[in-house]
Amino acid sequence: MAIYSDEHAIRILIADDHEILRAGIRKVLSVASNMYIIGEAENGLQAIELCEQHQPDIVLLDILMPKLTGIEAAPRIREVSPLTFIIMFTAFEDINHLKEALSVGADGYLTKGVSPKFLIEALNNVVLGNKVYSKSIINLLRDGVITYPNNLDIDTNISITNKEKEVLKFLAEGFSSKEISQNLNISIRTVESHRYNLMSKLDLHSAAQLVRFAILHQKYK
C-alpha cells in the first residue's frame, strides 16, 4: 500500500466504528502497491468531513455507525465529493439493507466476509466504473427485481475539446492509454497529455477521479 500521493494510485477512505476492522483493512491493502489509505473515520459525520477534505477515489462505508449511518451519510458524501465511489462494507446480507444502499446510489455492496483478494479486485474494478458486489449479494440481485438508481449529478459546464471528449469516451469504456492511442491513432504521450489537461481543467487529482468523471460525462452530456 503506497504511503505517498500518486495520480495513478487509488486513494481510499475507510469509515467504520471498529478499529480492529480498520486495522484489518489496512493490513489487506498493504500488499496493494496501487492503493493507499488517505484517512479513517469512526462515524458517519466524520466520514463526510474527511471525504470533503480529501476527495478520495473510494470510501469503504460501514452501514451501522454512530452519529450517522452509512445509508444516511452516503447522499451527503455525494454532495461534498461527487467523484468518490461509495462501497458499502457491512455485515448485513439482507435485501432490505441492500435496497437502502442502492437507493442512495452506492457503487457497490461488499460483506465483511469477503476474501482479501476479492476486496482488492473489487476496489480495482469499481474505479473502472463497474458495480461491485459480494457473491451472496449477487444472488439477491439475480432475479432483477432490484434496480440500480442513478441519482448522481455533476457539472460538465466546462470547455472540453473534441479530442478530449474522445479520450473521455474511451476512458468511460475502460480503455488504457495504450488502447486509446491505438484507437485514435495518436501517441501514448499525446493521450497522457490529454488526460493531464483534463485533470487540470476539471481540478481532479487522480486517474480514478478522471475515469469517474468520464463515466458521468457520458451519462450527462
C-alpha atoms as a PDB file:
ATOM      1  CA  MET A   1       0.000   0.000   0.000  1.00  0.00           C
ATOM      2  CA  ALA A   2       1.517   3.297  -1.057  1.00  0.00           C
ATOM      3  CA  ILE A   3       2.067   5.997   1.530  1.00  0.00           C
ATOM      4  CA  TYR A   4       2.592   8.819  -0.969  1.00  0.00           C
ATOM      5  CA  SER A   5       0.332  10.785  -3.292  1.00  0.00           C
ATOM      6  CA  ASP A   6       0.348   9.482  -6.854  1.00  0.00           C
ATOM      7  CA  GLU A   7      -2.142  10.413  -9.547  1.00  0.00           C
ATOM      8  CA  HIS A   8      -2.273   6.775 -10.663  1.00  0.00           C
ATOM      9  CA  ALA A   9      -2.802   5.383  -7.161  1.00  0.00           C
ATOM     10  CA  ILE A  10      -6.271   4.675  -5.771  1.00  0.00           C
ATOM     11  CA  ARG A  11      -6.963   6.836  -2.723  1.00  0.00           C
ATOM     12  CA  ILE A  12      -9.181   5.132  -0.139  1.00  0.00           C
ATOM     13  CA  LEU A  13     -11.055   6.320   2.943  1.00  0.00           C
ATOM     14  CA  ILE A  14     -12.182   3.735   5.499  1.00  0.00           C
ATOM     15  CA  ALA A  15     -15.294   4.519   7.552  1.00  0.00           C
ATOM     16  CA  ASP A  16     -16.051   2.017  10.317  1.00  0.00           C
ATOM     17  CA  ASP A  17     -16.527   2.419  14.058  1.00  0.00           C
ATOM     18  CA  HIS A  18     -14.480  -0.691  14.866  1.00  0.00           C
ATOM     19  CA  GLU A  19     -10.735  -0.008  14.999  1.00  0.00           C
ATOM     20  CA  ILE A  20      -9.919  -3.698  14.652  1.00  0.00           C
ATOM     21  CA  LEU A  21     -11.822  -3.806  11.344  1.00  0.00           C
ATOM     22  CA  ARG A  22      -9.984  -0.727  10.060  1.00  0.00           C
ATOM     23  CA  ALA A  23      -6.687  -2.319  11.069  1.00  0.00           C
ATOM     24  CA  GLY A  24      -7.654  -5.447   9.152  1.00  0.00           C
ATOM     25  CA  ILE A  25      -8.352  -3.461   6.003  1.00  0.00           C
ATOM     26  CA  ARG A  26      -5.047  -1.618   6.385  1.00  0.00           C
ATOM     27  CA  LYS A  27      -3.261  -4.971   6.534  1.00  0.00           C
ATOM     28  CA  VAL A  28      -5.118  -6.313   3.486  1.00  0.00           C
ATOM     29  CA  LEU A  29      -4.347  -3.227   1.405  1.00  0.00           C
ATOM     30  CA  SER A  30      -0.705  -3.164   2.476  1.00  0.00           C
ATOM     31  CA  VAL A  31       0.040  -5.613  -0.341  1.00  0.00           C
ATOM     32  CA  ALA A  32      -1.666  -3.457  -2.994  1.00  0.00           C
ATOM     33  CA  SER A  33       1.015  -1.191  -4.456  1.00  0.00           C
ATOM     34  CA  ASN A  34      -1.533   0.902  -6.375  1.00  0.00           C
ATOM     35  CA  MET A  35      -3.606   1.859  -3.324  1.00  0.00           C
ATOM     36  CA  TYR A  36      -3.159   3.964  -0.238  1.00  0.00           C
ATOM     37  CA  ILE A  37      -5.405   4.957   2.652  1.00  0.00           C
ATOM     38  CA  ILE A  38      -5.843   8.711   2.992  1.00  0.00           C
ATOM     39  CA  GLY A  39      -7.894   8.635   6.176  1.00  0.00           C
ATOM     40  CA  GLU A  40     -10.099   6.725   8.592  1.00  0.00           C
ATOM     41  CA  ALA A  41     -13.464   7.713  10.057  1.00  0.00           C
ATOM     42  CA  GLU A  42     -15.136   6.342  13.175  1.00  0.00           C
ATOM     43  CA  ASN A  43     -18.651   7.562  12.370  1.00  0.00           C
ATOM     44  CA  GLY A  44     -20.820   8.865   9.549  1.00  0.00           C
ATOM     45  CA  LEU A  45     -20.283  12.557  10.266  1.00  0.00           C
ATOM     46  CA  GLN A  46     -16.526  12.155  10.288  1.00  0.00           C
ATOM     47  CA  ALA A  47     -16.736  10.229   7.013  1.00  0.00           C
ATOM     48  CA  ILE A  48     -18.494  13.178   5.361  1.00  0.00           C
ATOM     49  CA  GLU A  49     -15.944  15.644   6.734  1.00  0.00           C
ATOM     50  CA  LEU A  50     -12.964  13.579   5.573  1.00  0.00           C
ATOM     51  CA  CYS A  51     -14.491  12.994   2.136  1.00  0.00           C
ATOM     52  CA  GLU A  52     -14.978  16.736   1.725  1.00  0.00           C
ATOM     53  CA  GLN A  53     -11.421  17.381   2.844  1.00  0.00           C
ATOM     54  CA  HIS A  54      -9.593  14.651   0.908  1.00  0.00           C
ATOM     55  CA  GLN A  55     -11.880  13.855  -2.066  1.00  0.00           C
ATOM     56  CA  PRO A  56     -10.996  10.121  -2.011  1.00  0.00           C
ATOM     57  CA  ASP A  57     -11.412   7.869  -5.018  1.00  0.00           C
ATOM     58  CA  ILE A  58     -13.234   5.287  -2.882  1.00  0.00           C
ATOM     59  CA  VAL A  59     -14.896   5.306   0.512  1.00  0.00           C
ATOM     60  CA  LEU A  60     -15.485   1.963   2.216  1.00  0.00           C
ATOM     61  CA  LEU A  61     -18.569   2.781   4.253  1.00  0.00           C
ATOM     62  CA  ASP A  62     -19.933   0.686   7.088  1.00  0.00           C
ATOM     63  CA  ILE A  63     -23.738   0.810   7.363  1.00  0.00           C
ATOM     64  CA  LEU A  64     -24.149   0.701  11.159  1.00  0.00           C
ATOM     65  CA  MET A  65     -22.112   3.594  12.631  1.00  0.00           C
ATOM     66  CA  PRO A  66     -22.636   6.201  15.375  1.00  0.00           C
ATOM     67  CA  LYS A  67     -23.980   9.721  14.702  1.00  0.00           C
ATOM     68  CA  LEU A  68     -24.922   8.908  11.092  1.00  0.00           C
ATOM     69  CA  THR A  69     -25.324   5.512   9.471  1.00  0.00           C
ATOM     70  CA  GLY A  70     -23.627   4.736   6.183  1.00  0.00           C
ATOM     71  CA  ILE A  71     -27.005   4.968   4.453  1.00  0.00           C
ATOM     72  CA  GLU A  72     -27.562   8.454   5.896  1.00  0.00           C
ATOM     73  CA  ALA A  73     -24.008   9.578   5.151  1.00  0.00           C
ATOM     74  CA  ALA A  74     -23.858   8.395   1.525  1.00  0.00           C
ATOM     75  CA  PRO A  75     -26.034  11.153  -0.051  1.00  0.00           C
ATOM     76  CA  ARG A  76     -24.111  13.828   1.830  1.00  0.00           C
ATOM     77  CA  ILE A  77     -20.819  12.336   0.680  1.00  0.00           C
ATOM     78  CA  ARG A  78     -22.149  12.564  -2.880  1.00  0.00           C
ATOM     79  CA  GLU A  79     -22.779  16.280  -2.326  1.00  0.00           C
ATOM     80  CA  VAL A  80     -19.330  17.121  -0.974  1.00  0.00           C
ATOM     81  CA  SER A  81     -17.305  14.633  -3.035  1.00  0.00           C
ATOM     82  CA  PRO A  82     -19.263  13.714  -6.204  1.00  0.00           C
ATOM     83  CA  LEU A  83     -16.419  11.788  -7.839  1.00  0.00           C
ATOM     84  CA  THR A  84     -15.952   9.413  -4.920  1.00  0.00           C
ATOM     85  CA  PHE A  85     -17.036   5.806  -5.448  1.00  0.00           C
ATOM     86  CA  ILE A  86     -19.089   4.628  -2.471  1.00  0.00           C
ATOM     87  CA  ILE A  87     -18.866   0.973  -1.446  1.00  0.00           C
ATOM     88  CA  MET A  88     -20.953  -0.268   1.461  1.00  0.00           C
ATOM     89  CA  PHE A  89     -18.776  -2.619   3.532  1.00  0.00           C
ATOM     90  CA  THR A  90     -21.030  -4.331   6.022  1.00  0.00           C
ATOM     91  CA  ALA A  91     -22.022  -7.468   7.877  1.00  0.00           C
ATOM     92  CA  PHE A  92     -25.625  -7.175   6.638  1.00  0.00           C
ATOM     93  CA  GLU A  93     -26.566  -9.559   3.823  1.00  0.00           C
ATOM     94  CA  ASP A  94     -30.320  -8.964   3.712  1.00  0.00           C
ATOM     95  CA  ILE A  95     -32.371  -7.479   0.906  1.00  0.00           C
ATOM     96  CA  ASN A  96     -33.671  -4.519   2.931  1.00  0.00           C
ATOM     97  CA  HIS A  97     -30.220  -3.089   3.639  1.00  0.00           C
ATOM     98  CA  LEU A  98     -29.214  -3.771   0.038  1.00  0.00           C
ATOM     99  CA  LYS A  99     -32.245  -1.846  -1.242  1.00  0.00           C
ATOM    100  CA  GLU A 100     -31.406   1.064   1.044  1.00  0.00           C
ATOM    101  CA  ALA A 101     -27.803   1.105  -0.174  1.00  0.00           C
ATOM    102  CA  LEU A 102     -28.839   1.086  -3.822  1.00  0.00           C
ATOM    103  CA  SER A 103     -31.468   3.764  -3.202  1.00  0.00           C
ATOM    104  CA  VAL A 104     -28.732   6.188  -2.089  1.00  0.00           C
ATOM    105  CA  GLY A 105     -26.568   5.391  -5.118  1.00  0.00           C
ATOM    106  CA  ALA A 106     -23.924   3.062  -3.677  1.00  0.00           C
ATOM    107  CA  ASP A 107     -21.442   1.842  -6.293  1.00  0.00           C
ATOM    108  CA  GLY A 108     -21.009  -1.468  -4.547  1.00  0.00           C
ATOM    109  CA  TYR A 109     -22.068  -3.626  -1.612  1.00  0.00           C
ATOM    110  CA  LEU A 110     -19.486  -5.924  -0.053  1.00  0.00           C
ATOM    111  CA  THR A 111     -19.921  -8.084   3.008  1.00  0.00           C
ATOM    112  CA  LYS A 112     -17.161  -8.202   5.593  1.00  0.00           C
ATOM    113  CA  GLY A 113     -16.628 -11.900   4.948  1.00  0.00           C
ATOM    114  CA  VAL A 114     -15.070 -11.351   1.508  1.00  0.00           C
ATOM    115  CA  SER A 115     -11.525 -12.598   0.993  1.00  0.00           C
ATOM    116  CA  PRO A 116      -8.599 -10.143   0.840  1.00  0.00           C
ATOM    117  CA  LYS A 117      -8.125 -10.965  -2.846  1.00  0.00           C
ATOM    118  CA  PHE A 118     -11.800 -10.286  -3.587  1.00  0.00           C
ATOM    119  CA  LEU A 119     -11.659  -6.940  -1.770  1.00  0.00           C
ATOM    120  CA  ILE A 120      -8.614  -5.743  -3.700  1.00  0.00           C
ATOM    121  CA  GLU A 121     -10.145  -6.860  -7.004  1.00  0.00           C
ATOM    122  CA  ALA A 122     -13.397  -5.052  -6.144  1.00  0.00           C
ATOM    123  CA  LEU A 123     -11.552  -1.817  -5.378  1.00  0.00           C
ATOM    124  CA  ASN A 124      -9.691  -2.030  -8.678  1.00  0.00           C
ATOM    125  CA  ASN A 125     -12.916  -2.757 -10.552  1.00  0.00           C
ATOM    126  CA  VAL A 126     -15.090  -0.024  -9.062  1.00  0.00           C
ATOM    127  CA  VAL A 127     -12.766   2.777 -10.236  1.00  0.00           C
ATOM    128  CA  LEU A 128     -13.290   1.482 -13.783  1.00  0.00           C
ATOM    129  CA  GLY A 129     -16.990   2.174 -13.414  1.00  0.00           C
ATOM    130  CA  ASN A 130     -18.072  -1.356 -12.575  1.00  0.00           C
ATOM    131  CA  LYS A 131     -20.566  -2.101  -9.826  1.00  0.00           C
ATOM    132  CA  VAL A 132     -19.100  -4.495  -7.270  1.00  0.00           C
ATOM    133  CA  TYR A 133     -20.987  -6.953  -5.080  1.00  0.00           C
ATOM    134  CA  SER A 134     -20.206  -9.915  -2.859  1.00  0.00           C
ATOM    135  CA  LYS A 135     -21.294 -13.267  -4.225  1.00  0.00           C
ATOM    136  CA  SER A 136     -24.113 -13.517  -1.693  1.00  0.00           C
ATOM    137  CA  ILE A 137     -25.380 -10.097  -2.786  1.00  0.00           C
ATOM    138  CA  ILE A 138     -25.269 -11.077  -6.457  1.00  0.00           C
ATOM    139  CA  ASN A 139     -27.737 -13.829  -5.598  1.00  0.00           C
ATOM    140  CA  LEU A 140     -30.154 -11.184  -4.280  1.00  0.00           C
ATOM    141  CA  LEU A 141     -29.741  -9.163  -7.467  1.00  0.00           C
ATOM    142  CA  ARG A 142     -30.005 -12.089  -9.842  1.00  0.00           C
ATOM    143  CA  ASP A 143     -33.797 -12.038 -10.224  1.00  0.00           C
ATOM    144  CA  GLY A 144     -33.643  -8.429 -11.419  1.00  0.00           C
ATOM    145  CA  VAL A 145     -36.292  -7.042  -9.075  1.00  0.00           C
ATOM    146  CA  ILE A 146     -33.788  -4.580  -7.584  1.00  0.00           C
ATOM    147  CA  THR A 147     -32.599  -1.865  -9.934  1.00  0.00           C
ATOM    148  CA  TYR A 148     -29.665   0.485  -9.555  1.00  0.00           C
ATOM    149  CA  PRO A 149     -30.909   4.076  -9.445  1.00  0.00           C
ATOM    150  CA  ASN A 150     -28.610   6.708 -10.945  1.00  0.00           C
ATOM    151  CA  ASN A 151     -29.153   9.842  -8.912  1.00  0.00           C
ATOM    152  CA  LEU A 152     -25.724  11.355  -9.436  1.00  0.00           C
ATOM    153  CA  ASP A 153     -25.150  14.793 -10.843  1.00  0.00           C
ATOM    154  CA  ILE A 154     -22.069  16.667 -11.915  1.00  0.00           C
ATOM    155  CA  ASP A 155     -21.371  19.995 -13.524  1.00  0.00           C
ATOM    156  CA  THR A 156     -19.962  19.396 -17.000  1.00  0.00           C
ATOM    157  CA  ASN A 157     -20.253  23.086 -17.960  1.00  0.00           C
ATOM    158  CA  ILE A 158     -16.607  23.332 -18.935  1.00  0.00           C
ATOM    159  CA  SER A 159     -14.689  23.783 -22.179  1.00  0.00           C
ATOM    160  CA  ILE A 160     -13.598  20.346 -23.394  1.00  0.00           C
ATOM    161  CA  THR A 161     -12.097  19.878 -26.857  1.00  0.00           C
ATOM    162  CA  ASN A 162     -13.404  17.270 -29.300  1.00  0.00           C
ATOM    163  CA  LYS A 163     -10.242  15.199 -28.894  1.00  0.00           C
ATOM    164  CA  GLU A 164     -10.573  15.346 -25.108  1.00  0.00           C
ATOM    165  CA  LYS A 165     -14.177  14.181 -25.457  1.00  0.00           C
ATOM    166  CA  GLU A 166     -12.947  11.206 -27.490  1.00  0.00           C
ATOM    167  CA  VAL A 167     -10.435  10.374 -24.778  1.00  0.00           C
ATOM    168  CA  LEU A 168     -13.181  10.627 -22.147  1.00  0.00           C
ATOM    169  CA  LYS A 169     -15.378   8.284 -24.176  1.00  0.00           C
ATOM    170  CA  PHE A 170     -12.682   5.592 -24.219  1.00  0.00           C
ATOM    171  CA  LEU A 171     -11.845   6.125 -20.530  1.00  0.00           C
ATOM    172  CA  ALA A 172     -15.513   5.589 -19.675  1.00  0.00           C
ATOM    173  CA  GLU A 173     -15.356   2.270 -21.527  1.00  0.00           C
ATOM    174  CA  GLY A 174     -12.327   1.131 -19.551  1.00  0.00           C
ATOM    175  CA  PHE A 175      -9.633   1.590 -22.211  1.00  0.00           C
ATOM    176  CA  SER A 176      -5.991   2.066 -21.193  1.00  0.00           C
ATOM    177  CA  SER A 177      -3.840   4.900 -22.560  1.00  0.00           C
ATOM    178  CA  LYS A 178      -2.185   2.436 -24.946  1.00  0.00           C
ATOM    179  CA  GLU A 179      -5.557   1.226 -26.256  1.00  0.00           C
ATOM    180  CA  ILE A 180      -6.801   4.800 -26.627  1.00  0.00           C
ATOM    181  CA  SER A 181      -3.687   5.741 -28.599  1.00  0.00           C
ATOM    182  CA  GLN A 182      -4.285   2.821 -30.966  1.00  0.00           C
ATOM    183  CA  ASN A 183      -7.954   3.691 -31.488  1.00  0.00           C
ATOM    184  CA  LEU A 184      -7.327   7.410 -32.046  1.00  0.00           C
ATOM    185  CA  ASN A 185      -4.086   6.862 -33.976  1.00  0.00           C
ATOM    186  CA  ILE A 186      -2.104   9.155 -31.674  1.00  0.00           C
ATOM    187  CA  SER A 187       0.891   8.544 -29.432  1.00  0.00           C
ATOM    188  CA  ILE A 188       0.577   7.337 -25.845  1.00  0.00           C
ATOM    189  CA  ARG A 189       2.341  10.542 -24.828  1.00  0.00           C
ATOM    190  CA  THR A 190      -0.410  12.581 -26.526  1.00  0.00           C
ATOM    191  CA  VAL A 191      -3.094  10.569 -24.723  1.00  0.00           C
ATOM    192  CA  GLU A 192      -1.360  11.200 -21.397  1.00  0.00           C
ATOM    193  CA  SER A 193      -1.189  14.893 -22.295  1.00  0.00           C
ATOM    194  CA  HIS A 194      -4.952  14.963 -22.906  1.00  0.00           C
ATOM    195  CA  ARG A 195      -5.519  13.186 -19.594  1.00  0.00           C
ATOM    196  CA  TYR A 196      -3.309  15.679 -17.776  1.00  0.00           C
ATOM    197  CA  ASN A 197      -5.096  18.633 -19.395  1.00  0.00           C
ATOM    198  CA  LEU A 198      -8.481  17.189 -18.456  1.00  0.00           C
ATOM    199  CA  MET A 199      -7.437  16.649 -14.860  1.00  0.00           C
ATOM    200  CA  SER A 200      -6.126  20.214 -14.724  1.00  0.00           C
ATOM    201  CA  LYS A 201      -9.302  21.710 -16.247  1.00  0.00           C
ATOM    202  CA  LEU A 202     -11.579  19.666 -14.010  1.00  0.00           C
ATOM    203  CA  ASP A 203      -9.471  20.079 -10.869  1.00  0.00           C
ATOM    204  CA  LEU A 204      -9.150  16.311 -10.462  1.00  0.00           C
ATOM    205  CA  HIS A 205      -6.335  14.716  -8.506  1.00  0.00           C
ATOM    206  CA  SER A 206      -6.148  11.091  -9.613  1.00  0.00           C
ATOM    207  CA  ALA A 207      -6.648   8.827 -12.594  1.00  0.00           C
ATOM    208  CA  ALA A 208      -9.592   7.194 -10.803  1.00  0.00           C
ATOM    209  CA  GLN A 209     -11.349  10.554 -10.450  1.00  0.00           C
ATOM    210  CA  LEU A 210     -10.866  11.170 -14.171  1.00  0.00           C
ATOM    211  CA  VAL A 211     -12.422   7.805 -15.001  1.00  0.00           C
ATOM    212  CA  ARG A 212     -15.321   8.637 -12.679  1.00  0.00           C
ATOM    213  CA  PHE A 213     -15.845  11.951 -14.451  1.00  0.00           C
ATOM    214  CA  ALA A 214     -15.623  10.217 -17.842  1.00  0.00           C
ATOM    215  CA  ILE A 215     -18.411   7.806 -16.861  1.00  0.00           C
ATOM    216  CA  LEU A 216     -20.646  10.627 -15.630  1.00  0.00           C
ATOM    217  CA  HIS A 217     -19.818  12.775 -18.646  1.00  0.00           C
ATOM    218  CA  GLN A 218     -21.091  10.034 -20.935  1.00  0.00           C
ATOM    219  CA  LYS A 219     -24.378   9.965 -18.987  1.00  0.00           C
ATOM    220  CA  TYR A 220     -24.946  13.692 -18.685  1.00  0.00           C
ATOM    221  CA  LYS A 221     -23.580  15.125 -21.947  1.00  0.00           C
END
